[in-house]
Amino acid sequence: MKPFTRVLSAFAVGILLQGGVYLYLDQYMFAPTTDFNVAGASKDDTKNFPDIKEGTKYVSYDRQFMAVVTESSLKIYKANESKPTTIDLKGRSISYFSWMPDRNYAIMGLYDSREVVMARLNADDPEHEVDTKLEDLPRNSKIVDAAYSEATNVVYMKVKVQENAYRIYRTDANYDTRRVYMQATDIGHIGVFYDEDRFFYDNVKTGDIFMFNGIEGGWRVINPPGRFRLIGVDMDKTIYIARVDEDNNALTIYTGKLGVGFKPVYKYNHPTTFNELTLSDVKDIIKNGSDETTKVTEDDTSSKSSSDSKKKS
């Protein structure tokens, strides 16, 4: 953990840079992506806020702020206050919204027919917005997902440019924003290590999972032989992947680490739609089990390896 003085220093620099980017990996950001990617808050999260019927409610990590988001509007409520601050979107629509996991900053994807913007919002001063414009995008593109790295202050954005076609853009605390050229356009889930600029994504079409080194620029496939999809990565840099069939149904869950490899941990008793999986649910099943899954033992793995060897021979 960073020393307290370093945290204060970093926070001060952030204010001077108009609320710069101090982005943290959100373990639950790897849920299925939609054109309007937000996560709903629980009833307990919203108990100190007005009972708003419209929009999606998204509560900050300390439950001091609640954003009510629709595609064309954003209102920020403070806990125990009834009057919100309405954010002027300047005619743009919202395609993505998320609070940072441990401070009251939010990141948004904004778009209109001409431009795409990643906006940063300070909940204590919500009318002051810091924008980063993404260049050279087709009309009607939009940000639909993002992955954050704490120690490197880097954010990767998944941008939808047309149906089933995506691009990845990268920005850092210095607002150096550029397109990162991937080995696929049919990009599924994305993730990044919290303390290294190592970005992960999967190719929905081929079932390959890639690791991209943001410093050196190299990339490589990391999954075992077969068809796999990325579920996500967590704070101890464990990578969670699923072996899937041709219809993207999850069959077996694997965990692994870079330089070590992957091992199966449980299999589904019946094929399960991959897009229904979340990292939190997968970790809960690994810890507690479920009626829908069976734990994979070392004997199961050994038997499969032996069977595979016989087939090859």
C-alpha atoms as a PDB file:
ATOM      1  CA  MET A   1       0.000   0.000   0.000  1.00  0.00           C
ATOM      2  CA  LYS A   2       1.263   3.501  -0.789  1.00  0.00           C
ATOM      3  CA  PRO A   3       2.541   5.644   2.103  1.00  0.00           C
ATOM      4  CA  PHE A   4       0.050   8.165   3.389  1.00  0.00           C
ATOM      5  CA  THR A   5       2.193  11.100   2.319  1.00  0.00           C
ATOM      6  CA  ARG A   6       2.404   9.752  -1.192  1.00  0.00           C
ATOM      7  CA  VAL A   7      -1.379   9.459  -1.374  1.00  0.00           C
ATOM      8  CA  LEU A   8      -1.791  13.071  -0.248  1.00  0.00           C
ATOM      9  CA  SER A   9       0.809  14.228  -2.717  1.00  0.00           C
ATOM     10  CA  ALA A  10      -0.844  12.338  -5.566  1.00  0.00           C
ATOM     11  CA  PHE A  11      -4.227  13.779  -4.639  1.00  0.00           C
ATOM     12  CA  ALA A  12      -2.831  17.323  -4.639  1.00  0.00           C
ATOM     13  CA  VAL A  13      -1.297  16.848  -8.053  1.00  0.00           C
ATOM     14  CA  GLY A  14      -4.619  15.541  -9.286  1.00  0.00           C
ATOM     15  CA  ILE A  15      -6.399  18.719  -8.185  1.00  0.00           C
ATOM     16  CA  LEU A  16      -3.807  20.899  -9.914  1.00  0.00           C
ATOM     17  CA  LEU A  17      -4.302  18.899 -13.087  1.00  0.00           C
ATOM     18  CA  GLN A  18      -8.057  19.581 -12.925  1.00  0.00           C
ATOM     19  CA  GLY A  19      -8.952  16.380 -11.228  1.00  0.00           C
ATOM     20  CA  GLY A  20      -6.598  14.175 -13.352  1.00  0.00           C
ATOM     21  CA  VAL A  21      -6.965  10.449 -13.599  1.00  0.00           C
ATOM     22  CA  TYR A  22      -6.346   8.266 -10.595  1.00  0.00           C
ATOM     23  CA  LEU A  23      -8.136   5.169 -11.751  1.00  0.00           C
ATOM     24  CA  TYR A  24      -8.430   1.954  -9.942  1.00  0.00           C
ATOM     25  CA  LEU A  25      -9.169  -1.542 -11.140  1.00  0.00           C
ATOM     26  CA  ASP A  26     -12.771  -2.415 -10.537  1.00  0.00           C
ATOM     27  CA  GLN A  27     -13.146  -6.147 -10.087  1.00  0.00           C
ATOM     28  CA  TYR A  28     -16.722  -6.029 -11.164  1.00  0.00           C
ATOM     29  CA  MET A  29     -16.291  -4.136 -14.387  1.00  0.00           C
ATOM     30  CA  PHE A  30     -16.082  -7.217 -16.524  1.00  0.00           C
ATOM     31  CA  ALA A  31     -19.740  -7.955 -16.640  1.00  0.00           C
ATOM     32  CA  PRO A  32     -21.339  -8.303 -20.088  1.00  0.00           C
ATOM     33  CA  THR A  33     -20.991  -5.118 -22.137  1.00  0.00           C
ATOM     34  CA  THR A  34     -23.980  -3.316 -23.612  1.00  0.00           C
ATOM     35  CA  ASP A  35     -24.297  -0.082 -25.597  1.00  0.00           C
ATOM     36  CA  PHE A  36     -25.178   1.678 -22.339  1.00  0.00           C
ATOM     37  CA  ASN A  37     -22.871   0.162 -19.775  1.00  0.00           C
ATOM     38  CA  VAL A  38     -23.816   0.995 -16.179  1.00  0.00           C
ATOM     39  CA  ALA A  39     -24.273  -1.064 -13.048  1.00  0.00           C
ATOM     40  CA  GLY A  40     -27.312  -0.740 -10.824  1.00  0.00           C
ATOM     41  CA  ALA A  41     -27.088  -0.080  -7.092  1.00  0.00           C
ATOM     42  CA  SER A  42     -28.701  -2.238  -4.417  1.00  0.00           C
ATOM     43  CA  LYS A  43     -31.577  -1.044  -2.254  1.00  0.00           C
ATOM     44  CA  ASP A  44     -29.264  -0.830   0.755  1.00  0.00           C
ATOM     45  CA  ASP A  45     -26.843   1.392  -1.190  1.00  0.00           C
ATOM     46  CA  THR A  46     -29.577   3.904  -1.982  1.00  0.00           C
ATOM     47  CA  LYS A  47     -31.313   4.138   1.396  1.00  0.00           C
ATOM     48  CA  ASN A  48     -29.873   7.614   2.134  1.00  0.00           C
ATOM     49  CA  PHE A  49     -31.018   9.023  -1.206  1.00  0.00           C
ATOM     50  CA  PRO A  50     -34.399  10.040  -2.681  1.00  0.00           C
ATOM     51  CA  ASP A  51     -36.464   7.252  -4.226  1.00  0.00           C
ATOM     52  CA  ILE A  52     -35.911   8.126  -7.875  1.00  0.00           C
ATOM     53  CA  LYS A  53     -37.882   6.027 -10.357  1.00  0.00           C
ATOM     54  CA  GLU A  54     -36.145   6.919 -13.604  1.00  0.00           C
ATOM     55  CA  GLY A  55     -32.666   6.028 -14.780  1.00  0.00           C
ATOM     56  CA  THR A  56     -30.014   3.712 -13.390  1.00  0.00           C
ATOM     57  CA  LYS A  57     -28.765   4.492  -9.871  1.00  0.00           C
ATOM     58  CA  TYR A  58     -25.041   4.212  -9.290  1.00  0.00           C
ATOM     59  CA  VAL A  59     -23.665   4.860  -5.786  1.00  0.00           C
ATOM     60  CA  SER A  60     -20.094   5.931  -5.004  1.00  0.00           C
ATOM     61  CA  TYR A  61     -17.818   3.652  -2.971  1.00  0.00           C
ATOM     62  CA  ASP A  62     -18.481   5.470   0.343  1.00  0.00           C
ATOM     63  CA  ARG A  63     -22.213   5.912  -0.373  1.00  0.00           C
ATOM     64  CA  GLN A  64     -21.917   9.691  -0.198  1.00  0.00           C
ATOM     65  CA  PHE A  65     -23.027  10.277  -3.788  1.00  0.00           C
ATOM     66  CA  MET A  66     -25.535   8.711  -6.133  1.00  0.00           C
ATOM     67  CA  ALA A  67     -25.594   9.237  -9.869  1.00  0.00           C
ATOM     68  CA  VAL A  68     -28.891   8.784 -11.684  1.00  0.00           C
ATOM     69  CA  VAL A  69     -28.026   8.017 -15.270  1.00  0.00           C
ATOM     70  CA  THR A  70     -30.053   7.807 -18.448  1.00  0.00           C
ATOM     71  CA  GLU A  71     -28.679   7.852 -21.950  1.00  0.00           C
ATOM     72  CA  SER A  72     -29.342  11.585 -22.201  1.00  0.00           C
ATOM     73  CA  SER A  73     -29.112  12.859 -18.612  1.00  0.00           C
ATOM     74  CA  LEU A  74     -27.004  12.738 -15.453  1.00  0.00           C
ATOM     75  CA  LYS A  75     -27.988  13.902 -11.976  1.00  0.00           C
ATOM     76  CA  ILE A  76     -25.696  13.734  -8.938  1.00  0.00           C
ATOM     77  CA  TYR A  77     -27.315  13.424  -5.496  1.00  0.00           C
ATOM     78  CA  LYS A  78     -25.496  13.911  -2.200  1.00  0.00           C
ATOM     79  CA  ALA A  79     -26.456  11.633   0.689  1.00  0.00           C
ATOM     80  CA  ASN A  80     -29.396  12.921   2.776  1.00  0.00           C
ATOM     81  CA  GLU A  81     -30.087  15.764   0.350  1.00  0.00           C
ATOM     82  CA  SER A  82     -33.072  15.846  -1.985  1.00  0.00           C
ATOM     83  CA  LYS A  83     -31.920  18.354  -4.595  1.00  0.00           C
ATOM     84  CA  PRO A  84     -29.496  17.006  -7.206  1.00  0.00           C
ATOM     85  CA  THR A  85     -26.925  18.703  -9.373  1.00  0.00           C
ATOM     86  CA  THR A  86     -27.927  18.272 -13.001  1.00  0.00           C
ATOM     87  CA  ILE A  87     -24.903  17.873 -15.252  1.00  0.00           C
ATOM     88  CA  ASP A  88     -24.927  19.692 -18.563  1.00  0.00           C
ATOM     89  CA  LEU A  89     -24.011  17.046 -21.132  1.00  0.00           C
ATOM     90  CA  LYS A  90     -23.821  19.678 -23.888  1.00  0.00           C
ATOM     91  CA  GLY A  91     -26.135  17.725 -26.135  1.00  0.00           C
ATOM     92  CA  ARG A  92     -24.128  14.508 -25.852  1.00  0.00           C
ATOM     93  CA  SER A  93     -25.357  11.065 -24.798  1.00  0.00           C
ATOM     94  CA  ILE A  94     -23.904   8.755 -22.135  1.00  0.00           C
ATOM     95  CA  SER A  95     -22.696   5.326 -23.255  1.00  0.00           C
ATOM     96  CA  TYR A  96     -20.715   4.394 -20.131  1.00  0.00           C
ATOM     97  CA  PHE A  97     -20.601   5.452 -16.468  1.00  0.00           C
ATOM     98  CA  SER A  98     -18.679   4.266 -13.410  1.00  0.00           C
ATOM     99  CA  TRP A  99     -17.556   5.609 -10.060  1.00  0.00           C
ATOM    100  CA  MET A 100     -13.950   4.867  -9.157  1.00  0.00           C
ATOM    101  CA  PRO A 101     -13.718   2.157  -6.504  1.00  0.00           C
ATOM    102  CA  ASP A 102     -12.231   4.208  -3.663  1.00  0.00           C
ATOM    103  CA  ARG A 103     -12.664   7.910  -4.332  1.00  0.00           C
ATOM    104  CA  ASN A 104     -15.499  10.148  -5.413  1.00  0.00           C
ATOM    105  CA  TYR A 105     -14.527  10.555  -9.021  1.00  0.00           C
ATOM    106  CA  ALA A 106     -16.489   9.165 -11.938  1.00  0.00           C
ATOM    107  CA  ILE A 107     -15.562   8.337 -15.481  1.00  0.00           C
ATOM    108  CA  MET A 108     -18.032   8.648 -18.349  1.00  0.00           C
ATOM    109  CA  GLY A 109     -18.201   7.853 -22.013  1.00  0.00           C
ATOM    110  CA  LEU A 110     -19.947  10.685 -23.880  1.00  0.00           C
ATOM    111  CA  TYR A 111     -20.740  10.839 -27.564  1.00  0.00           C
ATOM    112  CA  ASP A 112     -22.701  12.544 -30.311  1.00  0.00           C
ATOM    113  CA  SER A 113     -22.679  12.063 -34.080  1.00  0.00           C
ATOM    114  CA  ARG A 114     -19.340  13.879 -34.385  1.00  0.00           C
ATOM    115  CA  GLU A 115     -17.144  13.003 -31.407  1.00  0.00           C
ATOM    116  CA  VAL A 116     -16.417  10.595 -28.565  1.00  0.00           C
ATOM    117  CA  VAL A 117     -15.205  11.874 -25.197  1.00  0.00           C
ATOM    118  CA  MET A 118     -13.976  10.259 -22.000  1.00  0.00           C
ATOM    119  CA  ALA A 119     -15.051  12.627 -19.225  1.00  0.00           C
ATOM    120  CA  ARG A 120     -13.819  12.735 -15.628  1.00  0.00           C
ATOM    121  CA  LEU A 121     -16.148  14.085 -12.954  1.00  0.00           C
ATOM    122  CA  ASN A 122     -15.360  15.156  -9.382  1.00  0.00           C
ATOM    123  CA  ALA A 123     -18.418  14.518  -7.196  1.00  0.00           C
ATOM    124  CA  ASP A 124     -17.493  17.412  -4.909  1.00  0.00           C
ATOM    125  CA  ASP A 125     -17.478  19.745  -7.905  1.00  0.00           C
ATOM    126  CA  PRO A 126     -19.666  17.916 -10.446  1.00  0.00           C
ATOM    127  CA  GLU A 127     -20.144  20.864 -12.783  1.00  0.00           C
ATOM    128  CA  HIS A 128     -16.397  20.915 -13.479  1.00  0.00           C
ATOM    129  CA  GLU A 129     -15.749  18.275 -16.125  1.00  0.00           C
ATOM    130  CA  VAL A 130     -12.395  17.268 -17.618  1.00  0.00           C
ATOM    131  CA  ASP A 131     -12.668  15.843 -21.132  1.00  0.00           C
ATOM    132  CA  THR A 132     -10.375  13.732 -23.256  1.00  0.00           C
ATOM    133  CA  LYS A 133     -11.459  13.567 -26.870  1.00  0.00           C
ATOM    134  CA  LEU A 134     -10.760  10.404 -28.861  1.00  0.00           C
ATOM    135  CA  GLU A 135      -9.551  11.172 -32.363  1.00  0.00           C
ATOM    136  CA  ASP A 136     -10.193   9.631 -35.795  1.00  0.00           C
ATOM    137  CA  LEU A 137     -13.261   7.592 -34.906  1.00  0.00           C
ATOM    138  CA  PRO A 138     -16.130   6.776 -37.286  1.00  0.00           C
ATOM    139  CA  ARG A 139     -19.372   8.674 -36.750  1.00  0.00           C
ATOM    140  CA  ASN A 140     -21.656   7.324 -34.018  1.00  0.00           C
ATOM    141  CA  SER A 141     -18.856   5.493 -32.204  1.00  0.00           C
ATOM    142  CA  LYS A 142     -19.164   5.181 -28.416  1.00  0.00           C
ATOM    143  CA  ILE A 143     -17.230   4.021 -25.323  1.00  0.00           C
ATOM    144  CA  VAL A 144     -18.861   0.883 -23.924  1.00  0.00           C
ATOM    145  CA  ASP A 145     -16.340  -0.388 -21.364  1.00  0.00           C
ATOM    146  CA  ALA A 146     -13.163   0.626 -19.533  1.00  0.00           C
ATOM    147  CA  ALA A 147     -10.438  -0.963 -17.416  1.00  0.00           C
ATOM    148  CA  TYR A 148      -8.292   0.923 -14.895  1.00  0.00           C
ATOM    149  CA  SER A 149      -4.799   0.491 -13.461  1.00  0.00           C
ATOM    150  CA  GLU A 150      -4.059   2.033 -10.062  1.00  0.00           C
ATOM    151  CA  ALA A 151      -0.289   2.267  -9.907  1.00  0.00           C
ATOM    152  CA  THR A 152       0.240   3.153 -13.565  1.00  0.00           C
ATOM    153  CA  ASN A 153      -2.658   5.643 -13.756  1.00  0.00           C
ATOM    154  CA  VAL A 154      -3.721   4.172 -17.098  1.00  0.00           C
ATOM    155  CA  VAL A 155      -7.209   3.603 -18.451  1.00  0.00           C
ATOM    156  CA  TYR A 156      -8.054   1.434 -21.442  1.00  0.00           C
ATOM    157  CA  MET A 157     -11.333   2.134 -23.222  1.00  0.00           C
ATOM    158  CA  LYS A 158     -13.308  -0.221 -25.420  1.00  0.00           C
ATOM    159  CA  VAL A 159     -14.975   1.772 -28.190  1.00  0.00           C
ATOM    160  CA  LYS A 160     -17.759   0.383 -30.363  1.00  0.00           C
ATOM    161  CA  VAL A 161     -17.285   1.575 -33.948  1.00  0.00           C
ATOM    162  CA  GLN A 162     -19.926  -0.610 -35.583  1.00  0.00           C
ATOM    163  CA  GLU A 163     -21.890  -3.764 -34.840  1.00  0.00           C
ATOM    164  CA  ASN A 164     -19.511  -6.405 -33.382  1.00  0.00           C
ATOM    165  CA  ALA A 165     -16.467  -4.234 -34.166  1.00  0.00           C
ATOM    166  CA  TYR A 166     -14.455  -2.447 -31.478  1.00  0.00           C
ATOM    167  CA  ARG A 167     -11.284  -0.465 -30.956  1.00  0.00           C
ATOM    168  CA  ILE A 168      -9.128   0.029 -27.872  1.00  0.00           C
ATOM    169  CA  TYR A 169      -7.865   3.446 -26.773  1.00  0.00           C
ATOM    170  CA  ARG A 170      -5.423   4.135 -23.953  1.00  0.00           C
ATOM    171  CA  THR A 171      -4.931   7.263 -21.862  1.00  0.00           C
ATOM    172  CA  ASP A 172      -2.844   8.099 -18.787  1.00  0.00           C
ATOM    173  CA  ALA A 173      -2.515  10.766 -16.110  1.00  0.00           C
ATOM    174  CA  ASN A 174      -0.742  13.052 -18.586  1.00  0.00           C
ATOM    175  CA  TYR A 175      -3.729  12.855 -20.968  1.00  0.00           C
ATOM    176  CA  ASP A 176      -1.606  11.041 -23.548  1.00  0.00           C
ATOM    177  CA  THR A 177      -4.419   9.370 -25.462  1.00  0.00           C
ATOM    178  CA  ARG A 178      -3.903   7.045 -28.396  1.00  0.00           C
ATOM    179  CA  ARG A 179      -5.399   4.101 -30.198  1.00  0.00           C
ATOM    180  CA  VAL A 180      -3.878   0.725 -29.362  1.00  0.00           C
ATOM    181  CA  TYR A 181      -3.901  -1.593 -32.356  1.00  0.00           C
ATOM    182  CA  MET A 182      -5.159  -5.019 -31.320  1.00  0.00           C
ATOM    183  CA  GLN A 183      -5.100  -8.392 -33.035  1.00  0.00           C
ATOM    184  CA  ALA A 184      -8.897  -8.399 -33.242  1.00  0.00           C
ATOM    185  CA  THR A 185     -11.886  -6.119 -33.733  1.00  0.00           C
ATOM    186  CA  ASP A 186     -14.474  -8.525 -32.271  1.00  0.00           C
ATOM    187  CA  ILE A 187     -13.302  -7.730 -28.735  1.00  0.00           C
ATOM    188  CA  GLY A 188     -15.137  -9.181 -25.751  1.00  0.00           C
ATOM    189  CA  HIS A 189     -14.130  -8.571 -22.136  1.00  0.00           C
ATOM    190  CA  ILE A 190     -11.197  -6.373 -21.130  1.00  0.00           C
ATOM    191  CA  GLY A 191      -9.033  -6.055 -18.024  1.00  0.00           C
ATOM    192  CA  VAL A 192      -5.744  -4.605 -16.752  1.00  0.00           C
ATOM    193  CA  PHE A 193      -3.388  -5.313 -13.846  1.00  0.00           C
ATOM    194  CA  TYR A 194      -3.723  -2.798 -11.019  1.00  0.00           C
ATOM    195  CA  ASP A 195       0.055  -2.248 -10.741  1.00  0.00           C
ATOM    196  CA  GLU A 196       1.325  -3.003 -14.251  1.00  0.00           C
ATOM    197  CA  ASP A 197       0.430  -1.690 -17.668  1.00  0.00           C
ATOM    198  CA  ARG A 198      -0.589  -5.128 -18.912  1.00  0.00           C
ATOM    199  CA  PHE A 199      -3.895  -5.184 -20.727  1.00  0.00           C
ATOM    200  CA  PHE A 200      -6.025  -8.282 -21.395  1.00  0.00           C
ATOM    201  CA  TYR A 201      -8.785  -8.880 -23.902  1.00  0.00           C
ATOM    202  CA  ASP A 202     -10.438 -11.729 -25.757  1.00  0.00           C
ATOM    203  CA  ASN A 203     -11.366 -12.307 -29.395  1.00  0.00           C
ATOM    204  CA  VAL A 204     -15.003 -13.393 -29.382  1.00  0.00           C
ATOM    205  CA  LYS A 205     -14.785 -14.833 -32.876  1.00  0.00           C
ATOM    206  CA  THR A 206     -11.735 -17.074 -32.448  1.00  0.00           C
ATOM    207  CA  GLY A 207     -11.784 -17.761 -28.706  1.00  0.00           C
ATOM    208  CA  ASP A 208      -8.247 -16.448 -28.103  1.00  0.00           C
ATOM    209  CA  ILE A 209      -7.183 -14.387 -25.077  1.00  0.00           C
ATOM    210  CA  PHE A 210      -4.404 -11.823 -25.481  1.00  0.00           C
ATOM    211  CA  MET A 211      -2.066  -9.960 -23.146  1.00  0.00           C
ATOM    212  CA  PHE A 212      -0.789  -6.575 -24.362  1.00  0.00           C
ATOM    213  CA  ASN A 213       2.264  -4.940 -22.772  1.00  0.00           C
ATOM    214  CA  GLY A 214       1.448  -1.222 -22.696  1.00  0.00           C
ATOM    215  CA  ILE A 215       5.071  -0.192 -22.112  1.00  0.00           C
ATOM    216  CA  GLU A 216       6.877  -2.336 -24.657  1.00  0.00           C
ATOM    217  CA  GLY A 217       3.968  -2.681 -27.076  1.00  0.00           C
ATOM    218  CA  GLY A 218       4.169  -6.462 -27.498  1.00  0.00           C
ATOM    219  CA  TRP A 219       1.265  -8.897 -27.301  1.00  0.00           C
ATOM    220  CA  ARG A 220       0.811 -12.653 -27.010  1.00  0.00           C
ATOM    221  CA  VAL A 221      -1.884 -15.305 -26.655  1.00  0.00           C
ATOM    222  CA  ILE A 222      -2.090 -16.602 -23.063  1.00  0.00           C
ATOM    223  CA  ASN A 223      -4.885 -19.191 -23.040  1.00  0.00           C
ATOM    224  CA  PRO A 224      -4.394 -22.976 -23.231  1.00  0.00           C
ATOM    225  CA  PRO A 225      -5.263 -24.793 -26.489  1.00  0.00           C
ATOM    226  CA  GLY A 226      -8.981 -24.579 -27.169  1.00  0.00           C
ATOM    227  CA  ARG A 227     -11.653 -21.913 -27.289  1.00  0.00           C
ATOM    228  CA  PHE A 228     -11.635 -19.525 -24.307  1.00  0.00           C
ATOM    229  CA  ARG A 229     -13.094 -16.214 -23.137  1.00  0.00           C
ATOM    230  CA  LEU A 230     -11.764 -13.736 -20.574  1.00  0.00           C
ATOM    231  CA  ILE A 231     -13.803 -13.247 -17.397  1.00  0.00           C
ATOM    232  CA  GLY A 232     -11.467 -10.824 -15.656  1.00  0.00           C
ATOM    233  CA  VAL A 233      -8.434 -10.240 -13.429  1.00  0.00           C
ATOM    234  CA  ASP A 234      -8.355  -9.442  -9.715  1.00  0.00           C
ATOM    235  CA  MET A 235      -6.149  -7.505  -7.304  1.00  0.00           C
ATOM    236  CA  ASP A 236      -3.685 -10.359  -6.773  1.00  0.00           C
ATOM    237  CA  LYS A 237      -3.311 -10.596 -10.551  1.00  0.00           C
ATOM    238  CA  THR A 238      -5.118 -13.894 -10.892  1.00  0.00           C
ATOM    239  CA  ILE A 239      -6.624 -14.248 -14.378  1.00  0.00           C
ATOM    240  CA  TYR A 240     -10.027 -15.907 -14.748  1.00  0.00           C
ATOM    241  CA  ILE A 241     -11.014 -17.461 -18.061  1.00  0.00           C
ATOM    242  CA  ALA A 242     -13.731 -19.809 -19.314  1.00  0.00           C
ATOM    243  CA  ARG A 243     -13.511 -22.577 -21.872  1.00  0.00           C
ATOM    244  CA  VAL A 244     -16.506 -22.123 -24.164  1.00  0.00           C
ATOM    245  CA  ASP A 245     -18.208 -23.931 -27.013  1.00  0.00           C
ATOM    246  CA  GLU A 246     -18.944 -22.539 -30.487  1.00  0.00           C
ATOM    247  CA  ASP A 247     -22.091 -20.842 -29.141  1.00  0.00           C
ATOM    248  CA  ASN A 248     -20.139 -19.073 -26.367  1.00  0.00           C
ATOM    249  CA  ASN A 249     -21.570 -21.234 -23.625  1.00  0.00           C
ATOM    250  CA  ALA A 250     -19.198 -21.576 -20.658  1.00  0.00           C
ATOM    251  CA  LEU A 251     -18.112 -25.164 -19.970  1.00  0.00           C
ATOM    252  CA  THR A 252     -15.183 -24.940 -17.536  1.00  0.00           C
ATOM    253  CA  ILE A 253     -13.635 -22.162 -15.449  1.00  0.00           C
ATOM    254  CA  TYR A 254      -9.854 -21.826 -15.294  1.00  0.00           C
ATOM    255  CA  THR A 255      -7.610 -19.620 -13.145  1.00  0.00           C
ATOM    256  CA  GLY A 256      -3.989 -18.747 -13.801  1.00  0.00           C
ATOM    257  CA  LYS A 257      -1.129 -16.269 -13.631  1.00  0.00           C
ATOM    258  CA  LEU A 258       1.303 -14.923 -16.177  1.00  0.00           C
ATOM    259  CA  GLY A 259       4.391 -17.092 -16.405  1.00  0.00           C
ATOM    260  CA  VAL A 260       2.677 -19.941 -14.549  1.00  0.00           C
ATOM    261  CA  GLY A 261      -0.213 -21.079 -16.727  1.00  0.00           C
ATOM    262  CA  PHE A 262      -3.836 -22.036 -16.159  1.00  0.00           C
ATOM    263  CA  LYS A 263      -5.640 -24.875 -14.434  1.00  0.00           C
ATOM    264  CA  PRO A 264      -9.346 -25.824 -14.418  1.00  0.00           C
ATOM    265  CA  VAL A 265     -11.108 -25.229 -11.092  1.00  0.00           C
ATOM    266  CA  TYR A 266     -14.730 -26.164 -11.795  1.00  0.00           C
ATOM    267  CA  LYS A 267     -16.991 -27.161 -14.646  1.00  0.00           C
ATOM    268  CA  TYR A 268     -20.639 -26.404 -15.275  1.00  0.00           C
ATOM    269  CA  ASN A 269     -23.018 -29.328 -15.116  1.00  0.00           C
ATOM    270  CA  HIS A 270     -24.820 -27.817 -18.096  1.00  0.00           C
ATOM    271  CA  PRO A 271     -23.472 -25.269 -20.618  1.00  0.00           C
ATOM    272  CA  THR A 272     -24.012 -21.750 -19.245  1.00  0.00           C
ATOM    273  CA  THR A 273     -24.306 -18.586 -21.315  1.00  0.00           C
ATOM    274  CA  PHE A 274     -20.946 -16.855 -21.011  1.00  0.00           C
ATOM    275  CA  ASN A 275     -22.419 -13.350 -21.051  1.00  0.00           C
ATOM    276  CA  GLU A 276     -24.269 -14.143 -17.817  1.00  0.00           C
ATOM    277  CA  LEU A 277     -21.006 -14.680 -15.904  1.00  0.00           C
ATOM    278  CA  THR A 278     -19.432 -12.037 -13.679  1.00  0.00           C
ATOM    279  CA  LEU A 279     -16.088 -12.122 -11.930  1.00  0.00           C
ATOM    280  CA  SER A 280     -17.700 -11.830  -8.502  1.00  0.00           C
ATOM    281  CA  ASP A 281     -20.034 -14.785  -9.172  1.00  0.00           C
ATOM    282  CA  VAL A 282     -17.174 -16.932 -10.464  1.00  0.00           C
ATOM    283  CA  LYS A 283     -15.030 -16.191  -7.399  1.00  0.00           C
ATOM    284  CA  ASP A 284     -17.964 -16.985  -5.125  1.00  0.00           C
ATOM    285  CA  ILE A 285     -18.453 -20.385  -6.790  1.00  0.00           C
ATOM    286  CA  ILE A 286     -14.736 -21.147  -6.482  1.00  0.00           C
ATOM    287  CA  LYS A 287     -14.954 -20.369  -2.756  1.00  0.00           C
ATOM    288  CA  ASN A 288     -18.331 -21.860  -1.868  1.00  0.00           C
ATOM    289  CA  GLY A 289     -19.320 -24.156  -4.740  1.00  0.00           C
ATOM    290  CA  SER A 290     -22.809 -24.329  -6.255  1.00  0.00           C
ATOM    291  CA  ASP A 291     -25.474 -26.810  -7.308  1.00  0.00           C
ATOM    292  CA  GLU A 292     -24.831 -25.978 -10.957  1.00  0.00           C
ATOM    293  CA  THR A 293     -21.109 -26.791 -10.942  1.00  0.00           C
ATOM    294  CA  THR A 294     -18.661 -29.580 -10.148  1.00  0.00           C
ATOM    295  CA  LYS A 295     -15.194 -29.016  -8.735  1.00  0.00           C
ATOM    296  CA  VAL A 296     -12.360 -30.189 -10.963  1.00  0.00           C
ATOM    297  CA  THR A 297      -9.916 -32.394  -9.041  1.00  0.00           C
ATOM    298  CA  GLU A 298      -6.289 -33.244  -9.779  1.00  0.00           C
ATOM    299  CA  ASP A 299      -7.438 -36.746 -10.764  1.00  0.00           C
ATOM    300  CA  ASP A 300      -9.804 -35.248 -13.367  1.00  0.00           C
ATOM    301  CA  THR A 301      -6.961 -33.159 -14.788  1.00  0.00           C
ATOM    302  CA  SER A 302      -4.575 -36.120 -14.859  1.00  0.00           C
ATOM    303  CA  SER A 303      -7.150 -38.325 -16.584  1.00  0.00           C
ATOM    304  CA  LYS A 304      -7.795 -35.688 -19.247  1.00  0.00           C
ATOM    305  CA  SER A 305      -4.065 -35.211 -19.860  1.00  0.00           C
ATOM    306  CA  SER A 306      -3.627 -38.981 -20.244  1.00  0.00           C
ATOM    307  CA  SER A 307      -6.583 -39.174 -22.628  1.00  0.00           C
ATOM    308  CA  ASP A 308      -5.229 -36.280 -24.698  1.00  0.00           C
ATOM    309  CA  SER A 309      -1.833 -37.997 -24.926  1.00  0.00           C
ATOM    310  CA  LYS A 310      -3.404 -41.203 -26.221  1.00  0.00           C
ATOM    311  CA  LYS A 311      -5.339 -39.275 -28.856  1.00  0.00           C
ATOM    312  CA  LYS A 312      -2.170 -37.560 -30.060  1.00  0.00           C
ATOM    313  CA  SER A 313      -0.284 -40.863 -30.249  1.00  0.00           C
END
